[in-house]
PDB file of N, CA and C in Angstrom:
ATOM      1  N   SER A   1       1.039  -0.824   0.036  1.00  0.00           N
ATOM      2  CA  SER A   1      -0.542   0.346   0.140  1.00  0.00           C
ATOM      3  C   SER A   1       0.538   1.236   0.555  1.00  0.00           C
ATOM      4  N   GLN A   2       0.430   2.273  -0.253  1.00  0.00           N
ATOM      5  CA  GLN A   2       0.766   3.975  -0.350  1.00  0.00           C
ATOM      6  C   GLN A   2       1.398   4.714   0.651  1.00  0.00           C
ATOM      7  N   THR A   3       0.967   3.582   2.144  1.00  0.00           N
ATOM      8  CA  THR A   3       1.183   4.406   3.404  1.00  0.00           C
ATOM      9  C   THR A   3       3.116   3.029   3.680  1.00  0.00           C
ATOM     10  N   HIS A   4       2.588   1.694   3.082  1.00  0.00           N
ATOM     11  CA  HIS A   4       3.664   1.174   3.914  1.00  0.00           C
ATOM     12  C   HIS A   4       4.433   1.857   2.581  1.00  0.00           C
ATOM     13  N   LEU A   5       4.602   2.572   1.491  1.00  0.00           N
ATOM     14  CA  LEU A   5       5.695   2.502   0.815  1.00  0.00           C
ATOM     15  C   LEU A   5       5.928   3.775   1.239  1.00  0.00           C
ATOM     16  N   ASN A   6       5.687   4.723   2.065  1.00  0.00           N
ATOM     17  CA  ASN A   6       6.186   6.207   2.226  1.00  0.00           C
ATOM     18  C   ASN A   6       6.865   5.446   3.849  1.00  0.00           C
ATOM     19  N   PHE A   7       6.403   4.873   4.395  1.00  0.00           N
ATOM     20  CA  PHE A   7       6.599   4.182   5.739  1.00  0.00           C
ATOM     21  C   PHE A   7       7.984   3.511   5.593  1.00  0.00           C
ATOM     22  N   TYR A   8       8.414   2.783   4.505  1.00  0.00           N
ATOM     23  CA  TYR A   8       9.603   2.113   4.344  1.00  0.00           C
ATOM     24  C   TYR A   8      10.231   3.273   3.802  1.00  0.00           C
ATOM     25  N   GLN A   9      10.186   4.804   2.940  1.00  0.00           N
ATOM     26  CA  GLN A   9      11.453   5.183   2.277  1.00  0.00           C
ATOM     27  C   GLN A   9      11.795   5.895   3.356  1.00  0.00           C
ATOM     28  N   ARG A  10      10.572   6.259   4.148  1.00  0.00           N
ATOM     29  CA  ARG A  10      11.015   7.050   5.376  1.00  0.00           C
ATOM     30  C   ARG A  10      12.351   6.659   6.361  1.00  0.00           C
ATOM     31  N   TYR A  11      12.121   5.656   6.553  1.00  0.00           N
ATOM     32  CA  TYR A  11      12.889   5.083   7.247  1.00  0.00           C
ATOM     33  C   TYR A  11      14.288   4.172   6.660  1.00  0.00           C
ATOM     34  N   THR A  12      14.305   3.580   5.400  1.00  0.00           N
ATOM     35  CA  THR A  12      15.137   2.812   4.478  1.00  0.00           C
ATOM     36  C   THR A  12      16.115   4.445   4.074  1.00  0.00           C
ATOM     37  N   SER A  13      15.636   5.045   3.943  1.00  0.00           N
ATOM     38  CA  SER A  13      16.252   6.851   2.735  1.00  0.00           C
ATOM     39  C   SER A  13      18.087   6.824   3.593  1.00  0.00           C
ATOM     40  N   PRO A  14      18.769   7.149   2.177  1.00  0.00           N
ATOM     41  CA  PRO A  14      19.786   8.013   3.251  1.00  0.00           C
ATOM     42  C   PRO A  14      20.138   8.642   4.122  1.00  0.00           C
ATOM     43  N   GLN A  15      19.214   9.164   4.046  1.00  0.00           N
ATOM     44  CA  GLN A  15      19.076  10.578   5.200  1.00  0.00           C
ATOM     45  C   GLN A  15      17.836  10.386   6.160  1.00  0.00           C
ATOM     46  N   MET A  16      17.815   9.258   6.086  1.00  0.00           N
ATOM     47  CA  MET A  16      16.875   9.120   7.419  1.00  0.00           C
ATOM     48  C   MET A  16      17.833   9.204   8.347  1.00  0.00           C
ATOM     49  N   LYS A  17      17.148   9.535   9.733  1.00  0.00           N
ATOM     50  CA  LYS A  17      17.233  10.994  11.212  1.00  0.00           C
ATOM     51  C   LYS A  17      17.208   9.334  11.713  1.00  0.00           C
ATOM     52  N   LEU A  18      18.284   8.937  12.749  1.00  0.00           N
ATOM     53  CA  LEU A  18      18.950   8.036  13.479  1.00  0.00           C
ATOM     54  C   LEU A  18      17.269   8.371  14.779  1.00  0.00           C
ATOM     55  N   VAL A  19      16.657   6.858  15.161  1.00  0.00           N
ATOM     56  CA  VAL A  19      15.509   7.004  16.262  1.00  0.00           C
ATOM     57  C   VAL A  19      16.802   7.111  17.760  1.00  0.00           C
ATOM     58  N   THR A  20      15.570   7.223  18.611  1.00  0.00           N
ATOM     59  CA  THR A  20      16.578   8.234  19.603  1.00  0.00           C
ATOM     60  C   THR A  20      15.889   6.365  20.671  1.00  0.00           C
ATOM     61  N   LYS A  21      16.810   6.296  21.882  1.00  0.00           N
ATOM     62  CA  LYS A  21      16.424   4.941  22.471  1.00  0.00           C
ATOM     63  C   LYS A  21      14.671   5.248  22.886  1.00  0.00           C
ATOM     64  N   GLN A  22      14.234   6.589  23.382  1.00  0.00           N
ATOM     65  CA  GLN A  22      12.904   6.856  23.967  1.00  0.00           C
ATOM     66  C   GLN A  22      12.085   6.070  22.641  1.00  0.00           C
ATOM     67  N   GLN A  23      12.618   6.520  21.784  1.00  0.00           N
ATOM     68  CA  GLN A  23      11.275   6.201  20.262  1.00  0.00           C
ATOM     69  C   GLN A  23      11.286   4.967  20.311  1.00  0.00           C
ATOM     70  N   LEU A  24      12.542   3.890  20.178  1.00  0.00           N
ATOM     71  CA  LEU A  24      12.119   2.832  20.019  1.00  0.00           C
ATOM     72  C   LEU A  24      11.863   2.005  21.479  1.00  0.00           C
ATOM     73  N   GLN A  25      12.216   2.274  22.443  1.00  0.00           N
ATOM     74  CA  GLN A  25      11.441   2.038  23.512  1.00  0.00           C
ATOM     75  C   GLN A  25       9.370   2.228  23.506  1.00  0.00           C
ATOM     76  N   ASP A  26       9.290   3.190  22.829  1.00  0.00           N
ATOM     77  CA  ASP A  26       8.303   3.885  22.888  1.00  0.00           C
ATOM     78  C   ASP A  26       7.452   2.877  21.497  1.00  0.00           C
ATOM     79  N   ILE A  27       8.308   2.573  20.878  1.00  0.00           N
ATOM     80  CA  ILE A  27       8.031   1.511  19.588  1.00  0.00           C
ATOM     81  C   ILE A  27       7.362   0.558  20.346  1.00  0.00           C
ATOM     82  N   LEU A  28       8.738  -0.453  20.629  1.00  0.00           N
ATOM     83  CA  LEU A  28       8.187  -1.903  22.009  1.00  0.00           C
ATOM     84  C   LEU A  28       6.514  -1.551  22.378  1.00  0.00           C
ATOM     85  N   ALA A  29       6.841  -0.843  23.124  1.00  0.00           N
ATOM     86  CA  ALA A  29       5.504  -0.592  24.376  1.00  0.00           C
ATOM     87  C   ALA A  29       4.521  -0.915  24.012  1.00  0.00           C
ATOM     88  N   ASP A  30       4.258  -0.416  22.378  1.00  0.00           N
ATOM     89  CA  ASP A  30       3.344   0.085  21.721  1.00  0.00           C
ATOM     90  C   ASP A  30       2.589  -1.284  20.974  1.00  0.00           C
ATOM     91  N   GLY A  31       1.795  -2.455  21.122  1.00  0.00           N
ATOM     92  CA  GLY A  31       1.741  -3.361  19.901  1.00  0.00           C
ATOM     93  C   GLY A  31       0.962  -3.152  18.831  1.00  0.00           C
ATOM     94  N   SER A  32       0.767  -2.113  19.046  1.00  0.00           N
ATOM     95  CA  SER A  32       0.143  -1.350  16.744  1.00  0.00           C
ATOM     96  C   SER A  32       1.033  -1.058  16.702  1.00  0.00           C
ATOM     97  N   ARG A  33       2.133  -0.152  17.095  1.00  0.00           N
ATOM     98  CA  ARG A  33       2.737   0.370  16.362  1.00  0.00           C
ATOM     99  C   ARG A  33       3.705  -0.867  15.949  1.00  0.00           C
ATOM    100  N   LEU A  34       4.036  -1.627  16.775  1.00  0.00           N
ATOM    101  CA  LEU A  34       5.089  -2.586  16.443  1.00  0.00           C
ATOM    102  C   LEU A  34       4.602  -3.209  14.758  1.00  0.00           C
ATOM    103  N   ASP A  35       3.437  -3.874  15.236  1.00  0.00           N
ATOM    104  CA  ASP A  35       2.897  -4.515  14.165  1.00  0.00           C
ATOM    105  C   ASP A  35       2.743  -4.115  12.977  1.00  0.00           C
ATOM    106  N   PHE A  36       2.254  -2.488  13.156  1.00  0.00           N
ATOM    107  CA  PHE A  36       2.688  -1.539  11.826  1.00  0.00           C
ATOM    108  C   PHE A  36       3.743  -2.003  10.942  1.00  0.00           C
ATOM    109  N   ILE A  37       5.209  -1.595  11.915  1.00  0.00           N
ATOM    110  CA  ILE A  37       6.513  -1.770  11.401  1.00  0.00           C
ATOM    111  C   ILE A  37       6.658  -3.432  10.381  1.00  0.00           C
ATOM    112  N   SER A  38       6.604  -4.070  11.993  1.00  0.00           N
ATOM    113  CA  SER A  38       6.752  -5.445  11.816  1.00  0.00           C
ATOM    114  C   SER A  38       6.100  -5.815  10.095  1.00  0.00           C
ATOM    115  N   ASN A  39       4.758  -5.870   9.929  1.00  0.00           N
ATOM    116  CA  ASN A  39       3.602  -5.971   9.087  1.00  0.00           C
ATOM    117  C   ASN A  39       4.574  -4.770   7.805  1.00  0.00           C
ATOM    118  N   THR A  40       4.316  -3.725   7.436  1.00  0.00           N
ATOM    119  CA  THR A  40       5.111  -3.117   6.758  1.00  0.00           C
ATOM    120  C   THR A  40       6.698  -3.498   5.942  1.00  0.00           C
ATOM    121  N   ALA A  41       7.544  -3.851   7.224  1.00  0.00           N
ATOM    122  CA  ALA A  41       9.155  -4.191   6.811  1.00  0.00           C
ATOM    123  C   ALA A  41       8.451  -5.880   5.904  1.00  0.00           C
ATOM    124  N   PHE A  42       7.482  -6.518   6.622  1.00  0.00           N
ATOM    125  CA  PHE A  42       7.087  -8.523   5.598  1.00  0.00           C
ATOM    126  C   PHE A  42       6.338  -7.860   4.655  1.00  0.00           C
ATOM    127  N   ASP A  43       5.883  -7.125   4.332  1.00  0.00           N
ATOM    128  CA  ASP A  43       5.020  -6.711   2.828  1.00  0.00           C
ATOM    129  C   ASP A  43       6.077  -6.283   1.815  1.00  0.00           C
ATOM    130  N   ILE A  44       6.931  -5.797   2.481  1.00  0.00           N
ATOM    131  CA  ILE A  44       8.206  -4.854   1.901  1.00  0.00           C
ATOM    132  C   ILE A  44       9.039  -6.192   0.953  1.00  0.00           C
ATOM    133  N   ASN A  45       9.288  -6.445   2.103  1.00  0.00           N
ATOM    134  CA  ASN A  45      10.877  -7.819   1.805  1.00  0.00           C
ATOM    135  C   ASN A  45      10.148  -9.244   1.299  1.00  0.00           C
ATOM    136  N   ASP A  46       8.563  -9.611   1.164  1.00  0.00           N
ATOM    137  CA  ASP A  46       8.283 -10.329   0.677  1.00  0.00           C
ATOM    138  C   ASP A  46       8.428 -10.370  -0.779  1.00  0.00           C
ATOM    139  N   THR A  47       9.557 -10.289  -1.260  1.00  0.00           N
ATOM    140  CA  THR A  47       8.940  -9.830  -2.541  1.00  0.00           C
ATOM    141  C   THR A  47       8.329 -10.487  -3.827  1.00  0.00           C
ATOM    142  N   ASP A  48       8.653 -11.760  -3.137  1.00  0.00           N
ATOM    143  CA  ASP A  48       7.879 -12.478  -3.817  1.00  0.00           C
ATOM    144  C   ASP A  48       6.106 -12.817  -3.554  1.00  0.00           C
ATOM    145  N   LYS A  49       5.972 -11.801  -2.733  1.00  0.00           N
ATOM    146  CA  LYS A  49       4.788 -11.824  -2.805  1.00  0.00           C
ATOM    147  C   LYS A  49       4.040 -13.212  -2.439  1.00  0.00           C
ATOM    148  N   SER A  50       5.107 -13.925  -1.625  1.00  0.00           N
ATOM    149  CA  SER A  50       4.643 -15.649  -1.256  1.00  0.00           C
ATOM    150  C   SER A  50       4.004 -16.045   0.536  1.00  0.00           C
ATOM    151  N   GLY A  51       3.984 -14.412   0.476  1.00  0.00           N
ATOM    152  CA  GLY A  51       3.231 -14.990   2.438  1.00  0.00           C
ATOM    153  C   GLY A  51       4.396 -15.094   3.538  1.00  0.00           C
ATOM    154  N   HIS A  52       5.694 -15.461   2.980  1.00  0.00           N
ATOM    155  CA  HIS A  52       6.967 -16.176   3.566  1.00  0.00           C
ATOM    156  C   HIS A  52       7.706 -15.388   3.342  1.00  0.00           C
ATOM    157  N   ILE A  53       8.598 -15.214   3.931  1.00  0.00           N
ATOM    158  CA  ILE A  53      10.318 -14.290   3.729  1.00  0.00           C
ATOM    159  C   ILE A  53      11.031 -16.070   3.518  1.00  0.00           C
ATOM    160  N   ASP A  54      11.784 -15.919   2.308  1.00  0.00           N
ATOM    161  CA  ASP A  54      12.296 -17.440   2.277  1.00  0.00           C
ATOM    162  C   ASP A  54      13.699 -16.856   2.751  1.00  0.00           C
ATOM    163  N   PHE A  55      14.932 -17.935   2.362  1.00  0.00           N
ATOM    164  CA  PHE A  55      16.079 -17.375   2.718  1.00  0.00           C
ATOM    165  C   PHE A  55      17.092 -15.911   1.820  1.00  0.00           C
ATOM    166  N   GLU A  56      16.572 -15.720   0.744  1.00  0.00           N
ATOM    167  CA  GLU A  56      17.115 -14.969  -0.041  1.00  0.00           C
ATOM    168  C   GLU A  56      16.657 -14.024  -0.115  1.00  0.00           C
ATOM    169  N   GLU A  57      15.294 -13.499   0.484  1.00  0.00           N
ATOM    170  CA  GLU A  57      14.278 -12.330   0.891  1.00  0.00           C
ATOM    171  C   GLU A  57      15.328 -12.040   2.602  1.00  0.00           C
ATOM    172  N   LEU A  58      15.641 -12.943   3.384  1.00  0.00           N
ATOM    173  CA  LEU A  58      16.335 -12.183   4.781  1.00  0.00           C
ATOM    174  C   LEU A  58      17.251 -12.225   4.548  1.00  0.00           C
ATOM    175  N   GLU A  59      17.868 -12.451   3.346  1.00  0.00           N
ATOM    176  CA  GLU A  59      19.369 -12.601   2.995  1.00  0.00           C
ATOM    177  C   GLU A  59      18.681 -10.926   2.928  1.00  0.00           C
ATOM    178  N   GLY A  60      18.278 -10.687   1.836  1.00  0.00           N
ATOM    179  CA  GLY A  60      17.876  -8.971   1.692  1.00  0.00           C
ATOM    180  C   GLY A  60      17.374  -8.603   2.998  1.00  0.00           C
ATOM    181  N   VAL A  61      17.096  -8.420   3.761  1.00  0.00           N
ATOM    182  CA  VAL A  61      16.425  -8.039   4.766  1.00  0.00           C
ATOM    183  C   VAL A  61      17.741  -7.667   5.825  1.00  0.00           C
ATOM    184  N   LEU A  62      18.547  -8.834   5.856  1.00  0.00           N
ATOM    185  CA  LEU A  62      19.941  -8.666   6.657  1.00  0.00           C
ATOM    186  C   LEU A  62      21.018  -7.290   6.204  1.00  0.00           C
ATOM    187  N   LEU A  63      20.975  -7.660   5.148  1.00  0.00           N
ATOM    188  CA  LEU A  63      22.001  -7.006   4.303  1.00  0.00           C
ATOM    189  C   LEU A  63      21.259  -5.425   4.181  1.00  0.00           C
ATOM    190  N   ASN A  64      20.061  -5.102   4.149  1.00  0.00           N
ATOM    191  CA  ASN A  64      19.616  -3.679   4.443  1.00  0.00           C
ATOM    192  C   ASN A  64      19.876  -3.123   5.910  1.00  0.00           C
ATOM    193  N   ILE A  65      19.474  -3.786   7.051  1.00  0.00           N
ATOM    194  CA  ILE A  65      19.667  -3.839   8.441  1.00  0.00           C
ATOM    195  C   ILE A  65      21.378  -3.473   8.225  1.00  0.00           C
ATOM    196  N   GLY A  66      22.426  -4.104   7.838  1.00  0.00           N
ATOM    197  CA  GLY A  66      23.840  -3.769   7.801  1.00  0.00           C
ATOM    198  C   GLY A  66      23.822  -2.796   7.595  1.00  0.00           C
ATOM    199  N   THR A  67      23.754  -2.436   6.637  1.00  0.00           N
ATOM    200  CA  THR A  67      23.875  -1.284   5.490  1.00  0.00           C
ATOM    201  C   THR A  67      23.531  -0.167   5.892  1.00  0.00           C
ATOM    202  N   LYS A  68      22.156  -0.141   6.456  1.00  0.00           N
ATOM    203  CA  LYS A  68      22.157   1.075   7.439  1.00  0.00           C
ATOM    204  C   LYS A  68      22.718   1.153   8.690  1.00  0.00           C
ATOM    205  N   LEU A  69      23.242   0.090   9.469  1.00  0.00           N
ATOM    206  CA  LEU A  69      23.421   0.755  10.442  1.00  0.00           C
ATOM    207  C   LEU A  69      25.111   0.335  10.250  1.00  0.00           C
ATOM    208  N   GLY A  70      26.163   0.433   9.787  1.00  0.00           N
ATOM    209  CA  GLY A  70      26.976   0.394   8.689  1.00  0.00           C
ATOM    210  C   GLY A  70      28.212  -1.030   9.945  1.00  0.00           C
ATOM    211  N   LEU A  71      27.087  -2.151   9.378  1.00  0.00           N
ATOM    212  CA  LEU A  71      28.229  -3.584  10.030  1.00  0.00           C
ATOM    213  C   LEU A  71      28.283  -3.938   9.191  1.00  0.00           C
ATOM    214  N   GLU A  72      29.549  -5.358   9.150  1.00  0.00           N
ATOM    215  CA  GLU A  72      29.891  -5.967   7.904  1.00  0.00           C
ATOM    216  C   GLU A  72      28.612  -6.966   7.407  1.00  0.00           C
ATOM    217  N   ALA A  73      28.541  -7.221   6.706  1.00  0.00           N
ATOM    218  CA  ALA A  73      27.587  -7.958   5.839  1.00  0.00           C
ATOM    219  C   ALA A  73      27.195  -9.726   6.261  1.00  0.00           C
ATOM    220  N   PHE A  74      26.025 -10.108   6.806  1.00  0.00           N
ATOM    221  CA  PHE A  74      26.159 -11.793   7.495  1.00  0.00           C
ATOM    222  C   PHE A  74      26.353 -12.392   6.198  1.00  0.00           C
ATOM    223  N   ASN A  75      27.326 -13.469   6.000  1.00  0.00           N
ATOM    224  CA  ASN A  75      27.800 -14.101   5.079  1.00  0.00           C
ATOM    225  C   ASN A  75      26.005 -15.276   5.296  1.00  0.00           C
ATOM    226  N   LYS A  76      26.439 -16.205   4.477  1.00  0.00           N
ATOM    227  CA  LYS A  76      25.027 -17.036   4.083  1.00  0.00           C
ATOM    228  C   LYS A  76      25.261 -18.240   5.556  1.00  0.00           C
ATOM    229  N   GLU A  77      26.156 -18.391   5.866  1.00  0.00           N
ATOM    230  CA  GLU A  77      25.898 -19.244   7.357  1.00  0.00           C
ATOM    231  C   GLU A  77      25.062 -18.576   8.285  1.00  0.00           C
ATOM    232  N   GLU A  78      25.391 -17.250   8.780  1.00  0.00           N
ATOM    233  CA  GLU A  78      24.864 -16.518   9.377  1.00  0.00           C
ATOM    234  C   GLU A  78      23.241 -16.564   9.934  1.00  0.00           C
ATOM    235  N   VAL A  79      23.154 -15.959   8.194  1.00  0.00           N
ATOM    236  CA  VAL A  79      21.919 -15.742   7.503  1.00  0.00           C
ATOM    237  C   VAL A  79      20.880 -17.557   7.767  1.00  0.00           C
ATOM    238  N   HIS A  80      21.566 -18.332   7.977  1.00  0.00           N
ATOM    239  CA  HIS A  80      20.703 -19.598   7.903  1.00  0.00           C
ATOM    240  C   HIS A  80      20.686 -19.762   9.493  1.00  0.00           C
ATOM    241  N   GLU A  81      21.061 -19.360  10.882  1.00  0.00           N
ATOM    242  CA  GLU A  81      21.649 -19.209  11.553  1.00  0.00           C
ATOM    243  C   GLU A  81      20.253 -18.881  12.232  1.00  0.00           C
ATOM    244  N   ILE A  82      20.157 -17.243  11.574  1.00  0.00           N
ATOM    245  CA  ILE A  82      19.084 -16.720  11.894  1.00  0.00           C
ATOM    246  C   ILE A  82      17.403 -16.924  11.688  1.00  0.00           C
ATOM    247  N   LEU A  83      17.779 -17.956  10.326  1.00  0.00           N
ATOM    248  CA  LEU A  83      16.402 -18.174   9.842  1.00  0.00           C
ATOM    249  C   LEU A  83      16.328 -19.336  10.803  1.00  0.00           C
ATOM    250  N   LYS A  84      16.946 -20.097  11.019  1.00  0.00           N
ATOM    251  CA  LYS A  84      16.906 -20.772  12.115  1.00  0.00           C
ATOM    252  C   LYS A  84      16.350 -20.888  13.526  1.00  0.00           C
ATOM    253  N   LEU A  85      16.783 -19.708  13.925  1.00  0.00           N
ATOM    254  CA  LEU A  85      16.747 -19.131  15.170  1.00  0.00           C
ATOM    255  C   LEU A  85      14.880 -18.471  15.223  1.00  0.00           C
ATOM    256  N   VAL A  86      14.976 -17.776  14.198  1.00  0.00           N
ATOM    257  CA  VAL A  86      13.523 -17.542  14.106  1.00  0.00           C
ATOM    258  C   VAL A  86      12.498 -18.641  13.568  1.00  0.00           C
ATOM    259  N   ASP A  87      12.355 -19.100  12.512  1.00  0.00           N
ATOM    260  CA  ASP A  87      11.751 -19.983  12.424  1.00  0.00           C
ATOM    261  C   ASP A  87      11.422 -20.947  13.600  1.00  0.00           C
ATOM    262  N   SER A  88       9.990 -20.656  13.696  1.00  0.00           N
ATOM    263  CA  SER A  88       9.229 -21.969  14.951  1.00  0.00           C
ATOM    264  C   SER A  88       9.023 -22.748  14.959  1.00  0.00           C
ATOM    265  N   SER A  89       8.169 -22.803  13.094  1.00  0.00           N
ATOM    266  CA  SER A  89       7.635 -24.108  12.930  1.00  0.00           C
ATOM    267  C   SER A  89       8.363 -24.854  12.060  1.00  0.00           C
ATOM    268  N   ASN A  90       9.531 -24.558  11.564  1.00  0.00           N
ATOM    269  CA  ASN A  90      10.787 -25.303  11.537  1.00  0.00           C
ATOM    270  C   ASN A  90      10.370 -25.504   9.454  1.00  0.00           C
ATOM    271  N   ASP A  91       9.578 -24.751   9.273  1.00  0.00           N
ATOM    272  CA  ASP A  91       8.876 -25.343   7.161  1.00  0.00           C
ATOM    273  C   ASP A  91      10.453 -24.659   6.856  1.00  0.00           C
ATOM    274  N   GLY A  92      11.568 -24.113   7.871  1.00  0.00           N
ATOM    275  CA  GLY A  92      12.511 -23.643   6.347  1.00  0.00           C
ATOM    276  C   GLY A  92      12.134 -21.813   6.186  1.00  0.00           C
ATOM    277  N   GLN A  93      10.935 -21.111   6.282  1.00  0.00           N
ATOM    278  CA  GLN A  93      10.429 -19.740   6.140  1.00  0.00           C
ATOM    279  C   GLN A  93      10.073 -19.266   7.084  1.00  0.00           C
ATOM    280  N   ILE A  94      10.118 -17.675   7.248  1.00  0.00           N
ATOM    281  CA  ILE A  94      10.359 -16.429   8.196  1.00  0.00           C
ATOM    282  C   ILE A  94       7.984 -16.039   7.955  1.00  0.00           C
ATOM    283  N   GLN A  95       7.600 -17.490   8.764  1.00  0.00           N
ATOM    284  CA  GLN A  95       5.521 -16.264   8.643  1.00  0.00           C
ATOM    285  C   GLN A  95       5.532 -15.241   9.631  1.00  0.00           C
ATOM    286  N   ARG A  96       4.811 -14.619   9.083  1.00  0.00           N
ATOM    287  CA  ARG A  96       4.182 -12.890   9.689  1.00  0.00           C
ATOM    288  C   ARG A  96       4.934 -13.209  11.074  1.00  0.00           C
ATOM    289  N   ASP A  97       4.031 -13.642  11.551  1.00  0.00           N
ATOM    290  CA  ASP A  97       4.028 -13.858  13.026  1.00  0.00           C
ATOM    291  C   ASP A  97       5.608 -14.005  13.253  1.00  0.00           C
ATOM    292  N   GLU A  98       6.558 -14.853  13.289  1.00  0.00           N
ATOM    293  CA  GLU A  98       8.089 -15.072  13.391  1.00  0.00           C
ATOM    294  C   GLU A  98       8.494 -13.842  12.586  1.00  0.00           C
ATOM    295  N   PHE A  99       8.837 -13.281  12.400  1.00  0.00           N
ATOM    296  CA  PHE A  99       8.997 -11.897  11.521  1.00  0.00           C
ATOM    297  C   PHE A  99       8.978 -10.929  12.565  1.00  0.00           C
ATOM    298  N   ARG A 100       7.466 -11.061  13.040  1.00  0.00           N
ATOM    299  CA  ARG A 100       7.237  -9.807  13.856  1.00  0.00           C
ATOM    300  C   ARG A 100       8.200 -10.191  14.786  1.00  0.00           C
ATOM    301  N   VAL A 101       8.657 -11.329  15.779  1.00  0.00           N
ATOM    302  CA  VAL A 101       9.755 -11.393  16.874  1.00  0.00           C
ATOM    303  C   VAL A 101      10.432 -11.562  16.239  1.00  0.00           C
ATOM    304  N   LEU A 102      11.306 -11.249  15.236  1.00  0.00           N
ATOM    305  CA  LEU A 102      13.206 -11.120  14.388  1.00  0.00           C
ATOM    306  C   LEU A 102      13.227  -9.550  15.054  1.00  0.00           C
ATOM    307  N   VAL A 103      11.809  -8.626  14.679  1.00  0.00           N
ATOM    308  CA  VAL A 103      11.609  -7.097  14.265  1.00  0.00           C
ATOM    309  C   VAL A 103      11.596  -6.793  15.824  1.00  0.00           C
ATOM    310  N   GLN A 104      11.101  -7.615  16.991  1.00  0.00           N
ATOM    311  CA  GLN A 104      10.995  -6.929  17.772  1.00  0.00           C
ATOM    312  C   GLN A 104      12.845  -7.301  19.213  1.00  0.00           C
ATOM    313  N   ALA A 105      13.144  -8.684  18.611  1.00  0.00           N
ATOM    314  CA  ALA A 105      14.320  -8.593  18.917  1.00  0.00           C
ATOM    315  C   ALA A 105      15.379  -7.258  18.356  1.00  0.00           C
ATOM    316  N   THR A 106      15.223  -7.551  17.209  1.00  0.00           N
ATOM    317  CA  THR A 106      15.912  -6.103  16.258  1.00  0.00           C
ATOM    318  C   THR A 106      15.654  -5.106  17.583  1.00  0.00           C
ATOM    319  N   LEU A 107      15.037  -4.531  17.058  1.00  0.00           N
ATOM    320  CA  LEU A 107      14.706  -3.221  17.652  1.00  0.00           C
ATOM    321  C   LEU A 107      14.886  -3.067  19.383  1.00  0.00           C
ATOM    322  N   THR A 108      14.902  -4.577  20.017  1.00  0.00           N
ATOM    323  CA  THR A 108      15.248  -4.479  21.909  1.00  0.00           C
ATOM    324  C   THR A 108      17.013  -4.200  21.688  1.00  0.00           C
ATOM    325  N   VAL A 109      17.312  -4.954  20.295  1.00  0.00           N
ATOM    326  CA  VAL A 109      18.820  -4.999  20.898  1.00  0.00           C
ATOM    327  C   VAL A 109      19.261  -3.755  20.732  1.00  0.00           C
ATOM    328  N   LEU A 110      18.683  -3.154  19.151  1.00  0.00           N
ATOM    329  CA  LEU A 110      19.249  -1.044  19.329  1.00  0.00           C
ATOM    330  C   LEU A 110      18.914  -0.754  20.283  1.00  0.00           C
ATOM    331  N   SER A 111      18.214  -0.861  20.965  1.00  0.00           N
ATOM    332  CA  SER A 111      17.297   0.188  21.869  1.00  0.00           C
ATOM    333  C   SER A 111      18.856   0.255  22.651  1.00  0.00           C
ATOM    334  N   ARG A 112      19.266  -1.024  22.666  1.00  0.00           N
ATOM    335  CA  ARG A 112      20.094  -1.217  24.075  1.00  0.00           C
ATOM    336  C   ARG A 112      21.444   0.085  24.133  1.00  0.00           C
ATOM    337  N   PHE A 113      21.739  -0.378  21.986  1.00  0.00           N
ATOM    338  CA  PHE A 113      22.756   0.342  21.690  1.00  0.00           C
ATOM    339  C   PHE A 113      23.163   1.540  21.268  1.00  0.00           C
ATOM    340  N   ILE A 114      21.797   2.419  21.459  1.00  0.00           N
ATOM    341  CA  ILE A 114      22.030   3.857  21.279  1.00  0.00           C
ATOM    342  C   ILE A 114      21.524   4.681  22.259  1.00  0.00           C
TER     343      ILE A 114
END
């Protein structure tokens, strides 16, 4: 949707202003905001619109996050490990609810380092 696209462009643009620790904590405390962010990211990163995030799509998500944070790229083994950690249904794919767990964990970790 256009709302999702606007949100994604705002938070992934090179001009993006970093969020504050308080903003991250507010998002984590507000389930509806966390759902919106998670669903938006899921919809955009589910590039084949299959309803799940596969290995290649997860690799793209992690590359995007790493680039934005100035981190070294994840290698394929690390992507597989993250997939195994998040894939609670053990089907080799990340469903929407599993992706929300990944988003929440990522924001939680980020909130500790900013």
